[in-house]
Amino acid sequence: MMLDTVYDICFLMLSISLLLSLVRLLKGPSLPDRVIALELMASLTVGLVVLYAVAYDEPKFIDVAIALALTSFLAAVGFSRYLEQRGVREDD
């Protein structure tokens, strides 16, 4: 019973964090800010999937979280490489 309350609070906190990072993604103001917000959203999504797997005793979702984390890492490397080759501009 108490553990269900903890799970609910964790779901709520991760969801609020996801919404706040969505606001940062949409507002910007610069491209690196948006990239960081997107990476944060990916990490929070991994956290939500793992929390769901633990809360509802669904261990197969941990594999999904691992695949999402690996994909997110590759996207971060791709974005970093793009930003590095693009150079620094006034809007950054």
N, C-alpha and C. Protein backbone atom coordinates (compact mmCIF):
# COMPACT_ATOMS: atom_id res chain seq x y z
N MET A 1 0.82 -1.19 0.00
CA MET A 1 0.00 0.00 0.00
C MET A 1 0.88 1.26 0.00
N MET A 2 1.83 1.31 0.89
CA MET A 2 2.72 2.47 0.95
C MET A 2 3.59 2.55 -0.30
N LEU A 3 4.01 1.40 -0.82
CA LEU A 3 4.84 1.38 -2.01
C LEU A 3 4.07 1.90 -3.22
N ASP A 4 2.77 1.64 -3.29
CA ASP A 4 1.96 2.18 -4.39
C ASP A 4 1.93 3.70 -4.36
N THR A 5 1.90 4.27 -3.18
CA THR A 5 1.93 5.72 -3.05
C THR A 5 3.26 6.28 -3.53
N VAL A 6 4.34 5.60 -3.21
CA VAL A 6 5.66 6.02 -3.67
C VAL A 6 5.75 5.95 -5.19
N TYR A 7 5.22 4.89 -5.78
CA TYR A 7 5.20 4.77 -7.24
C TYR A 7 4.40 5.91 -7.86
N ASP A 8 3.25 6.21 -7.29
CA ASP A 8 2.42 7.28 -7.82
C ASP A 8 3.13 8.63 -7.75
N ILE A 9 3.81 8.89 -6.64
CA ILE A 9 4.55 10.14 -6.50
C ILE A 9 5.69 10.21 -7.52
N CYS A 10 6.37 9.10 -7.72
CA CYS A 10 7.46 9.07 -8.71
C CYS A 10 6.94 9.28 -10.13
N PHE A 11 5.80 8.64 -10.46
CA PHE A 11 5.20 8.87 -11.77
C PHE A 11 4.84 10.33 -11.96
N LEU A 12 4.28 10.94 -10.93
CA LEU A 12 3.89 12.34 -10.99
C LEU A 12 5.10 13.25 -11.18
N MET A 13 6.15 13.00 -10.41
CA MET A 13 7.35 13.84 -10.51
C MET A 13 8.02 13.71 -11.88
N LEU A 14 8.10 12.49 -12.40
CA LEU A 14 8.70 12.31 -13.72
C LEU A 14 7.83 12.94 -14.81
N SER A 15 6.52 12.87 -14.66
CA SER A 15 5.63 13.47 -15.65
C SER A 15 5.74 14.99 -15.64
N ILE A 16 5.80 15.59 -14.46
CA ILE A 16 5.97 17.04 -14.38
C ILE A 16 7.31 17.46 -14.98
N SER A 17 8.35 16.70 -14.69
CA SER A 17 9.66 16.99 -15.27
C SER A 17 9.63 16.90 -16.79
N LEU A 18 8.90 15.93 -17.30
CA LEU A 18 8.77 15.76 -18.74
C LEU A 18 8.05 16.96 -19.36
N LEU A 19 7.01 17.45 -18.70
CA LEU A 19 6.30 18.62 -19.20
C LEU A 19 7.17 19.88 -19.16
N LEU A 20 7.93 20.04 -18.09
CA LEU A 20 8.82 21.20 -17.99
C LEU A 20 9.92 21.17 -19.06
N SER A 21 10.43 20.00 -19.33
CA SER A 21 11.45 19.91 -20.38
C SER A 21 10.83 20.12 -21.77
N LEU A 22 9.55 19.77 -21.93
CA LEU A 22 8.86 20.05 -23.19
C LEU A 22 8.73 21.56 -23.39
N VAL A 23 8.46 22.28 -22.32
CA VAL A 23 8.40 23.74 -22.41
C VAL A 23 9.75 24.30 -22.85
N ARG A 24 10.83 23.78 -22.27
CA ARG A 24 12.17 24.24 -22.66
C ARG A 24 12.46 23.89 -24.11
N LEU A 25 12.01 22.72 -24.54
CA LEU A 25 12.22 22.31 -25.93
C LEU A 25 11.51 23.26 -26.88
N LEU A 26 10.30 23.67 -26.54
CA LEU A 26 9.53 24.54 -27.42
C LEU A 26 9.99 26.00 -27.36
N LYS A 27 10.41 26.46 -26.18
CA LYS A 27 10.81 27.86 -26.02
C LYS A 27 12.22 28.15 -26.50
N GLY A 28 13.09 27.20 -26.36
CA GLY A 28 14.48 27.43 -26.76
C GLY A 28 15.28 28.09 -25.66
N PRO A 29 15.92 29.15 -25.84
CA PRO A 29 15.96 30.06 -26.99
C PRO A 29 16.96 29.65 -28.06
N SER A 30 17.91 28.79 -27.76
CA SER A 30 18.91 28.43 -28.76
C SER A 30 18.83 26.94 -29.07
N LEU A 31 19.50 26.57 -30.14
CA LEU A 31 19.50 25.17 -30.56
C LEU A 31 20.14 24.24 -29.51
N PRO A 32 21.26 24.61 -28.91
CA PRO A 32 21.82 23.73 -27.87
C PRO A 32 20.86 23.53 -26.68
N ASP A 33 20.10 24.57 -26.32
CA ASP A 33 19.11 24.42 -25.26
C ASP A 33 18.06 23.39 -25.64
N ARG A 34 17.64 23.44 -26.88
CA ARG A 34 16.62 22.49 -27.35
C ARG A 34 17.17 21.07 -27.40
N VAL A 35 18.42 20.93 -27.80
CA VAL A 35 19.03 19.60 -27.84
C VAL A 35 19.14 19.01 -26.44
N ILE A 36 19.55 19.82 -25.48
CA ILE A 36 19.66 19.35 -24.10
C ILE A 36 18.28 18.97 -23.56
N ALA A 37 17.26 19.77 -23.88
CA ALA A 37 15.90 19.45 -23.44
C ALA A 37 15.43 18.13 -24.05
N LEU A 38 15.76 17.90 -25.30
CA LEU A 38 15.38 16.65 -25.96
C LEU A 38 16.07 15.45 -25.31
N GLU A 39 17.34 15.61 -24.97
CA GLU A 39 18.06 14.52 -24.31
C GLU A 39 17.51 14.27 -22.91
N LEU A 40 17.13 15.34 -22.22
CA LEU A 40 16.52 15.18 -20.90
C LEU A 40 15.18 14.45 -21.02
N MET A 41 14.41 14.77 -22.04
CA MET A 41 13.14 14.09 -22.24
C MET A 41 13.35 12.60 -22.52
N ALA A 42 14.37 12.28 -23.27
CA ALA A 42 14.67 10.87 -23.53
C ALA A 42 15.06 10.15 -22.24
N SER A 43 15.86 10.79 -21.42
CA SER A 43 16.26 10.17 -20.14
C SER A 43 15.07 10.01 -19.21
N LEU A 44 14.20 11.00 -19.16
CA LEU A 44 13.01 10.91 -18.32
C LEU A 44 12.07 9.81 -18.82
N THR A 45 12.00 9.64 -20.13
CA THR A 45 11.17 8.57 -20.69
C THR A 45 11.72 7.21 -20.31
N VAL A 46 13.03 7.07 -20.34
CA VAL A 46 13.65 5.82 -19.89
C VAL A 46 13.30 5.57 -18.42
N GLY A 47 13.37 6.62 -17.61
CA GLY A 47 12.99 6.49 -16.20
C GLY A 47 11.54 6.08 -16.02
N LEU A 48 10.65 6.65 -16.82
CA LEU A 48 9.24 6.28 -16.73
C LEU A 48 9.01 4.81 -17.12
N VAL A 49 9.69 4.37 -18.15
CA VAL A 49 9.53 2.98 -18.60
C VAL A 49 10.05 2.02 -17.53
N VAL A 50 11.20 2.33 -16.94
CA VAL A 50 11.75 1.47 -15.89
C VAL A 50 10.85 1.48 -14.66
N LEU A 51 10.35 2.65 -14.30
CA LEU A 51 9.44 2.73 -13.16
C LEU A 51 8.18 1.91 -13.41
N TYR A 52 7.66 1.98 -14.62
CA TYR A 52 6.49 1.17 -14.97
C TYR A 52 6.81 -0.32 -14.85
N ALA A 53 7.99 -0.70 -15.34
CA ALA A 53 8.39 -2.11 -15.29
C ALA A 53 8.48 -2.60 -13.85
N VAL A 54 9.00 -1.77 -12.97
CA VAL A 54 9.14 -2.17 -11.56
C VAL A 54 7.78 -2.14 -10.85
N ALA A 55 7.00 -1.09 -11.10
CA ALA A 55 5.73 -0.93 -10.39
C ALA A 55 4.72 -2.00 -10.75
N TYR A 56 4.69 -2.41 -12.01
CA TYR A 56 3.69 -3.38 -12.46
C TYR A 56 4.28 -4.76 -12.74
N ASP A 57 5.48 -4.99 -12.26
CA ASP A 57 6.15 -6.29 -12.38
C ASP A 57 6.15 -6.80 -13.82
N GLU A 58 6.67 -5.96 -14.71
CA GLU A 58 6.78 -6.29 -16.13
C GLU A 58 8.25 -6.19 -16.55
N PRO A 59 9.05 -7.22 -16.28
CA PRO A 59 10.49 -7.12 -16.55
C PRO A 59 10.84 -6.96 -18.03
N LYS A 60 9.95 -7.33 -18.93
CA LYS A 60 10.28 -7.20 -20.36
C LYS A 60 10.40 -5.73 -20.79
N PHE A 61 9.79 -4.82 -20.03
CA PHE A 61 9.89 -3.41 -20.37
C PHE A 61 11.27 -2.84 -20.05
N ILE A 62 12.04 -3.51 -19.24
CA ILE A 62 13.41 -3.05 -18.97
C ILE A 62 14.25 -3.17 -20.24
N ASP A 63 13.99 -4.19 -21.05
CA ASP A 63 14.67 -4.31 -22.34
C ASP A 63 14.32 -3.13 -23.24
N VAL A 64 13.07 -2.71 -23.21
CA VAL A 64 12.64 -1.55 -23.99
C VAL A 64 13.38 -0.30 -23.51
N ALA A 65 13.53 -0.15 -22.20
CA ALA A 65 14.22 1.01 -21.64
C ALA A 65 15.69 1.01 -22.05
N ILE A 66 16.31 -0.15 -22.07
CA ILE A 66 17.72 -0.24 -22.47
C ILE A 66 17.88 0.16 -23.94
N ALA A 67 16.97 -0.32 -24.80
CA ALA A 67 17.03 0.04 -26.21
C ALA A 67 16.80 1.54 -26.40
N LEU A 68 15.87 2.10 -25.65
CA LEU A 68 15.61 3.54 -25.73
C LEU A 68 16.81 4.34 -25.25
N ALA A 69 17.46 3.89 -24.21
CA ALA A 69 18.65 4.59 -23.69
C ALA A 69 19.79 4.55 -24.71
N LEU A 70 19.98 3.41 -25.35
CA LEU A 70 21.04 3.31 -26.36
C LEU A 70 20.74 4.19 -27.57
N THR A 71 19.49 4.21 -28.00
CA THR A 71 19.09 5.06 -29.11
C THR A 71 19.27 6.54 -28.75
N SER A 72 18.91 6.89 -27.53
CA SER A 72 19.07 8.25 -27.06
C SER A 72 20.54 8.66 -27.04
N PHE A 73 21.39 7.75 -26.61
CA PHE A 73 22.83 8.05 -26.60
C PHE A 73 23.35 8.30 -28.01
N LEU A 74 22.94 7.47 -28.96
CA LEU A 74 23.39 7.67 -30.34
C LEU A 74 22.87 8.98 -30.90
N ALA A 75 21.65 9.34 -30.54
CA ALA A 75 21.11 10.63 -30.99
C ALA A 75 21.91 11.79 -30.39
N ALA A 76 22.30 11.66 -29.13
CA ALA A 76 23.10 12.71 -28.49
C ALA A 76 24.44 12.87 -29.19
N VAL A 77 25.05 11.77 -29.56
CA VAL A 77 26.33 11.84 -30.28
C VAL A 77 26.13 12.51 -31.64
N GLY A 78 25.04 12.16 -32.32
CA GLY A 78 24.76 12.77 -33.62
C GLY A 78 24.51 14.27 -33.52
N PHE A 79 23.71 14.67 -32.53
CA PHE A 79 23.44 16.10 -32.33
C PHE A 79 24.73 16.84 -31.98
N SER A 80 25.56 16.25 -31.15
CA SER A 80 26.82 16.89 -30.75
C SER A 80 27.72 17.10 -31.96
N ARG A 81 27.80 16.08 -32.77
CA ARG A 81 28.64 16.19 -33.96
C ARG A 81 28.11 17.27 -34.90
N TYR A 82 26.79 17.32 -35.05
CA TYR A 82 26.19 18.36 -35.89
C TYR A 82 26.49 19.75 -35.35
N LEU A 83 26.30 19.94 -34.05
CA LEU A 83 26.56 21.25 -33.46
C LEU A 83 28.03 21.64 -33.53
N GLU A 84 28.90 20.64 -33.39
CA GLU A 84 30.34 20.92 -33.47
C GLU A 84 30.74 21.35 -34.87
N GLN A 85 30.23 20.70 -35.89
CA GLN A 85 30.59 21.03 -37.25
C GLN A 85 29.91 22.31 -37.73
N ARG A 86 28.77 22.62 -37.14
CA ARG A 86 28.03 23.82 -37.52
C ARG A 86 28.74 25.09 -37.09
N GLY A 87 29.43 25.01 -35.97
CA GLY A 87 30.13 26.19 -35.46
C GLY A 87 29.23 27.03 -34.58
N VAL A 88 29.81 28.02 -33.94
CA VAL A 88 29.07 28.89 -33.04
C VAL A 88 28.53 30.07 -33.84
N ARG A 89 27.25 30.37 -33.62
CA ARG A 89 26.60 31.50 -34.29
C ARG A 89 26.02 32.44 -33.26
N GLU A 90 25.49 33.56 -33.73
CA GLU A 90 24.95 34.56 -32.81
C GLU A 90 23.71 34.06 -32.08
N ASP A 91 22.90 33.19 -32.71
CA ASP A 91 21.66 32.74 -32.08
C ASP A 91 21.90 31.67 -31.02
N ASP A 92 23.12 31.21 -30.85
CA ASP A 92 23.44 30.23 -29.80
C ASP A 92 23.70 30.96 -28.57
